[in-house]
Amino acid sequence: MSSPPVARTPRLPRLPGLAPASPSAPARAVRVPRLLLRATTTASAVLGLAQTVLAGSFLNGHYEALRAHELTAMALGGLLIAQLPVAALVRRGGGAGGARGPWWPLGATALLLAASGAQMGTGYERAVGVHVTLGVLLVSGLLFGLVGAWRRAPVPPATSEAEPLAESESESESGTGSGAGSGTGGTDDGGDGGSGRLPRPTAAGADAVEVAP
């Protein structure tokens, strides 16, 4: 009596994407530019708010505040220049999952730098009306950059690394099932169906058994 055939599951090849990798280096490459952007936007917002205080102090009659107002404007312009490459790094690969980051830090930094230069020019030209209006817009833009830099980056939908393996297993199971079904269909003609059991006797065979002593 032959033993029933056992369906063997084929051995799946090892997928290269399932190898455990250390996420420290990619995560650090994404985290550092964003931290630098937060630092520069925070410092520039503080300098912008300090400019409003110094301008108000000058208009209130404290003329010595004008020199501090000028030096703070120069420091703000230099900080925005330093923020440009940081914003470029964020755009290059500062997104979630190592993707390209948002475009607004680079564009906003360029606009703020141009506005800072125009602000200094109108101040030296004593164009007070344009200087004050541009100063309000400049400080508003600096605060906008501060809030945007400190917002949490969007998290991409979680993707399981075992999905390719699950798909391969389902394909192998479907292939094994179809092969086993075809093998069973072939043994049905023999009568035992490959189950190892003896065939049931026919009616004539049963009568012969009963007559036999």
Protein backbone atom coordinates (compact mmCIF):
# COMPACT_ATOMS: atom_id res chain seq x y z
CA MET A 1 0.00 0.00 0.00
CA SER A 2 1.56 3.24 -1.13
CA SER A 3 1.72 6.21 1.22
CA PRO A 4 -0.19 9.36 0.22
CA PRO A 5 1.88 11.99 -1.60
CA VAL A 6 2.91 14.96 0.52
CA ALA A 7 2.86 18.39 -1.11
CA ARG A 8 6.17 20.11 -0.43
CA THR A 9 6.23 23.88 -0.34
CA PRO A 10 9.00 25.22 -2.58
CA ARG A 11 11.76 27.10 -0.86
CA LEU A 12 11.43 30.81 -1.55
CA PRO A 13 14.48 32.81 -2.55
CA ARG A 14 15.76 35.39 -0.10
CA LEU A 15 14.66 38.86 -1.05
CA PRO A 16 17.37 41.52 -0.84
CA GLY A 17 14.91 44.13 0.44
CA LEU A 18 14.24 42.10 3.58
CA ALA A 19 17.78 42.31 4.89
CA PRO A 20 17.83 44.32 8.16
CA ALA A 21 19.42 47.66 7.56
CA SER A 22 20.47 50.24 10.08
CA PRO A 23 18.18 53.30 9.74
CA SER A 24 20.57 55.55 11.63
CA ALA A 25 22.44 56.95 8.62
CA PRO A 26 19.38 57.78 6.43
CA ALA A 27 17.49 59.15 9.42
CA ARG A 28 20.44 61.33 10.36
CA ALA A 29 20.75 62.61 6.79
CA VAL A 30 17.12 63.72 6.92
CA ARG A 31 17.14 65.02 10.50
CA VAL A 32 20.22 67.24 10.41
CA PRO A 33 19.06 69.67 7.67
CA ARG A 34 15.69 70.06 9.35
CA LEU A 35 17.31 70.78 12.70
CA LEU A 36 19.58 73.35 11.09
CA LEU A 37 16.58 74.95 9.40
CA ARG A 38 14.78 75.17 12.72
CA ALA A 39 17.82 76.77 14.32
CA THR A 40 18.26 79.39 11.60
CA THR A 41 14.56 80.25 11.37
CA THR A 42 14.36 80.61 15.16
CA ALA A 43 17.38 82.91 15.25
CA SER A 44 16.12 85.00 12.34
CA ALA A 45 12.67 85.35 13.94
CA VAL A 46 14.29 86.52 17.18
CA LEU A 47 16.34 89.09 15.27
CA GLY A 48 13.23 90.24 13.39
CA LEU A 49 11.33 90.78 16.63
CA ALA A 50 14.35 92.57 18.08
CA GLN A 51 14.28 94.90 15.08
CA THR A 52 10.72 95.94 15.89
CA VAL A 53 11.73 96.74 19.46
CA LEU A 54 14.77 98.72 18.35
CA ALA A 55 12.76 100.63 15.73
CA GLY A 56 10.13 101.52 18.30
CA SER A 57 12.81 102.62 20.72
CA PHE A 58 14.35 104.87 18.06
CA LEU A 59 10.99 106.42 17.19
CA ASN A 60 10.41 106.95 20.91
CA GLY A 61 13.46 109.23 21.08
CA HIS A 62 16.27 106.84 21.98
CA TYR A 63 18.58 107.63 19.06
CA GLU A 64 21.33 105.32 20.28
CA ALA A 65 19.06 102.41 19.28
CA LEU A 66 19.60 103.30 15.61
CA ARG A 67 23.12 101.84 15.63
CA ALA A 68 21.88 98.60 17.21
CA HIS A 69 19.06 98.55 14.63
CA GLU A 70 21.63 98.75 11.83
CA LEU A 71 23.85 96.01 13.26
CA THR A 72 20.88 93.72 13.82
CA ALA A 73 19.81 94.21 10.20
CA MET A 74 23.28 93.17 9.02
CA ALA A 75 23.22 90.12 11.28
CA LEU A 76 19.79 89.16 9.93
CA GLY A 77 20.98 89.44 6.34
CA GLY A 78 24.02 87.26 7.06
CA LEU A 79 21.85 84.68 8.80
CA LEU A 80 19.50 84.49 5.82
CA ILE A 81 22.49 83.99 3.52
CA ALA A 82 23.60 81.07 5.69
CA GLN A 83 20.06 79.68 5.65
CA LEU A 84 20.02 79.35 1.86
CA PRO A 85 22.21 76.21 1.64
CA VAL A 86 20.34 74.72 4.59
CA ALA A 87 17.04 75.19 2.77
CA ALA A 88 18.59 73.66 -0.34
CA LEU A 89 19.59 70.56 1.67
CA VAL A 90 16.06 70.27 3.04
CA ARG A 91 14.69 70.45 -0.49
CA ARG A 92 17.18 67.89 -1.76
CA GLY A 93 16.44 65.10 0.68
CA GLY A 94 14.73 66.35 3.81
CA GLY A 95 11.37 64.74 3.22
CA ALA A 96 9.85 61.79 4.98
CA GLY A 97 11.39 58.47 3.95
CA GLY A 98 14.34 60.15 2.23
CA ALA A 99 12.15 61.72 -0.48
CA ARG A 100 12.55 65.27 -1.78
CA GLY A 101 11.64 67.80 0.87
CA PRO A 102 9.29 70.77 0.58
CA TRP A 103 10.15 73.63 -1.75
CA TRP A 104 8.93 76.47 0.46
CA PRO A 105 12.03 76.80 2.72
CA LEU A 106 14.24 77.58 -0.27
CA GLY A 107 11.75 79.94 -1.90
CA ALA A 108 10.85 81.69 1.35
CA THR A 109 14.50 82.15 2.31
CA ALA A 110 15.30 83.70 -1.07
CA LEU A 111 12.36 86.11 -0.77
CA LEU A 112 13.26 87.03 2.81
CA LEU A 113 16.86 87.69 1.81
CA ALA A 114 15.74 89.99 -1.00
CA ALA A 115 13.32 91.75 1.36
CA SER A 116 16.07 92.18 3.94
CA GLY A 117 18.35 93.81 1.37
CA ALA A 118 15.56 96.13 0.25
CA GLN A 119 14.79 96.93 3.88
CA MET A 120 18.36 98.01 4.53
CA GLY A 121 18.36 100.12 1.35
CA THR A 122 15.17 101.96 2.25
CA GLY A 123 16.53 102.55 5.75
CA TYR A 124 19.70 104.17 4.45
CA GLU A 125 17.62 106.26 2.02
CA ARG A 126 15.39 107.48 4.88
CA ALA A 127 12.27 106.21 3.06
CA VAL A 128 10.42 105.74 6.33
CA GLY A 129 7.02 104.85 4.87
CA VAL A 130 8.37 102.07 2.64
CA HIS A 131 10.83 101.02 5.35
CA VAL A 132 8.13 100.49 7.98
CA THR A 133 5.75 98.69 5.60
CA LEU A 134 8.48 96.41 4.31
CA GLY A 135 9.61 95.76 7.87
CA VAL A 136 6.15 94.53 8.85
CA LEU A 137 6.07 92.16 5.87
CA LEU A 138 9.60 90.98 6.61
CA VAL A 139 8.84 90.11 10.23
CA SER A 140 5.63 88.35 9.15
CA GLY A 141 7.62 86.26 6.68
CA LEU A 142 10.18 85.37 9.33
CA LEU A 143 7.45 84.17 11.67
CA PHE A 144 5.89 82.20 8.83
CA GLY A 145 9.20 80.44 8.24
CA LEU A 146 9.54 79.74 11.97
CA VAL A 147 6.13 78.07 12.20
CA GLY A 148 6.69 76.10 9.01
CA ALA A 149 10.09 74.83 10.12
CA TRP A 150 8.78 73.61 13.48
CA ARG A 151 5.78 71.81 12.04
CA ARG A 152 5.96 68.04 12.13
CA ALA A 153 6.88 66.49 8.81
CA PRO A 154 4.11 64.35 7.25
CA VAL A 155 4.55 60.64 7.88
CA PRO A 156 4.25 58.43 4.80
CA PRO A 157 1.87 55.44 4.94
CA ALA A 158 3.48 52.44 6.56
CA THR A 159 4.62 49.84 4.07
CA SER A 160 5.47 46.38 5.26
CA GLU A 161 8.66 44.88 3.92
CA ALA A 162 7.06 41.44 4.09
CA GLU A 163 4.50 42.24 1.38
CA PRO A 164 6.66 40.82 -1.44
CA LEU A 165 7.24 37.68 0.61
CA ALA A 166 3.51 37.30 1.29
CA GLU A 167 2.75 37.67 -2.40
CA SER A 168 5.36 35.04 -3.25
CA GLU A 169 3.93 32.66 -0.65
CA SER A 170 0.40 33.11 -2.02
CA GLU A 171 1.62 32.43 -5.55
CA SER A 172 3.50 29.32 -4.42
CA GLU A 173 0.48 28.05 -2.49
CA SER A 174 -1.77 28.55 -5.49
CA GLY A 175 0.74 26.71 -7.68
CA THR A 176 1.02 23.85 -5.20
CA GLY A 177 -2.75 23.56 -4.90
CA SER A 178 -3.21 23.35 -8.63
CA GLY A 179 -0.47 20.71 -8.89
CA ALA A 180 -1.95 18.62 -6.11
CA GLY A 181 -5.41 18.90 -7.68
CA SER A 182 -4.13 17.65 -11.02
CA GLY A 183 -2.30 14.75 -9.33
CA THR A 184 -5.43 13.74 -7.43
CA GLY A 185 -7.49 13.88 -10.57
CA GLY A 186 -5.05 11.50 -12.24
CA THR A 187 -5.29 8.90 -9.47
CA ASP A 188 -9.07 8.91 -9.43
CA ASP A 189 -9.00 6.55 -12.42
CA GLY A 190 -7.13 3.98 -10.37
CA GLY A 191 -9.87 3.89 -7.77
CA ASP A 192 -7.99 4.76 -4.58
CA GLY A 193 -7.59 8.53 -5.29
CA GLY A 194 -4.05 8.42 -3.88
CA SER A 195 -5.38 8.19 -0.30
CA GLY A 196 -3.92 4.76 0.50
CA ARG A 197 -7.31 3.15 1.26
CA LEU A 198 -8.52 -0.11 -0.30
CA PRO A 199 -11.34 0.19 -2.85
CA ARG A 200 -14.77 -0.71 -1.62
CA PRO A 201 -16.00 -4.05 -2.96
CA THR A 202 -18.71 -4.11 -5.60
CA ALA A 203 -22.03 -5.88 -5.17
CA ALA A 204 -20.74 -9.04 -6.85
CA GLY A 205 -17.70 -9.05 -4.70
CA ALA A 206 -19.79 -8.68 -1.57
CA ASP A 207 -21.90 -11.71 -2.48
CA ALA A 208 -18.80 -13.75 -3.05
CA VAL A 209 -17.54 -12.83 0.39
CA GLU A 210 -20.77 -13.85 2.06
CA VAL A 211 -20.88 -17.25 0.26
CA ALA A 212 -17.30 -18.10 1.05
CA PRO A 213 -17.00 -20.32 4.13
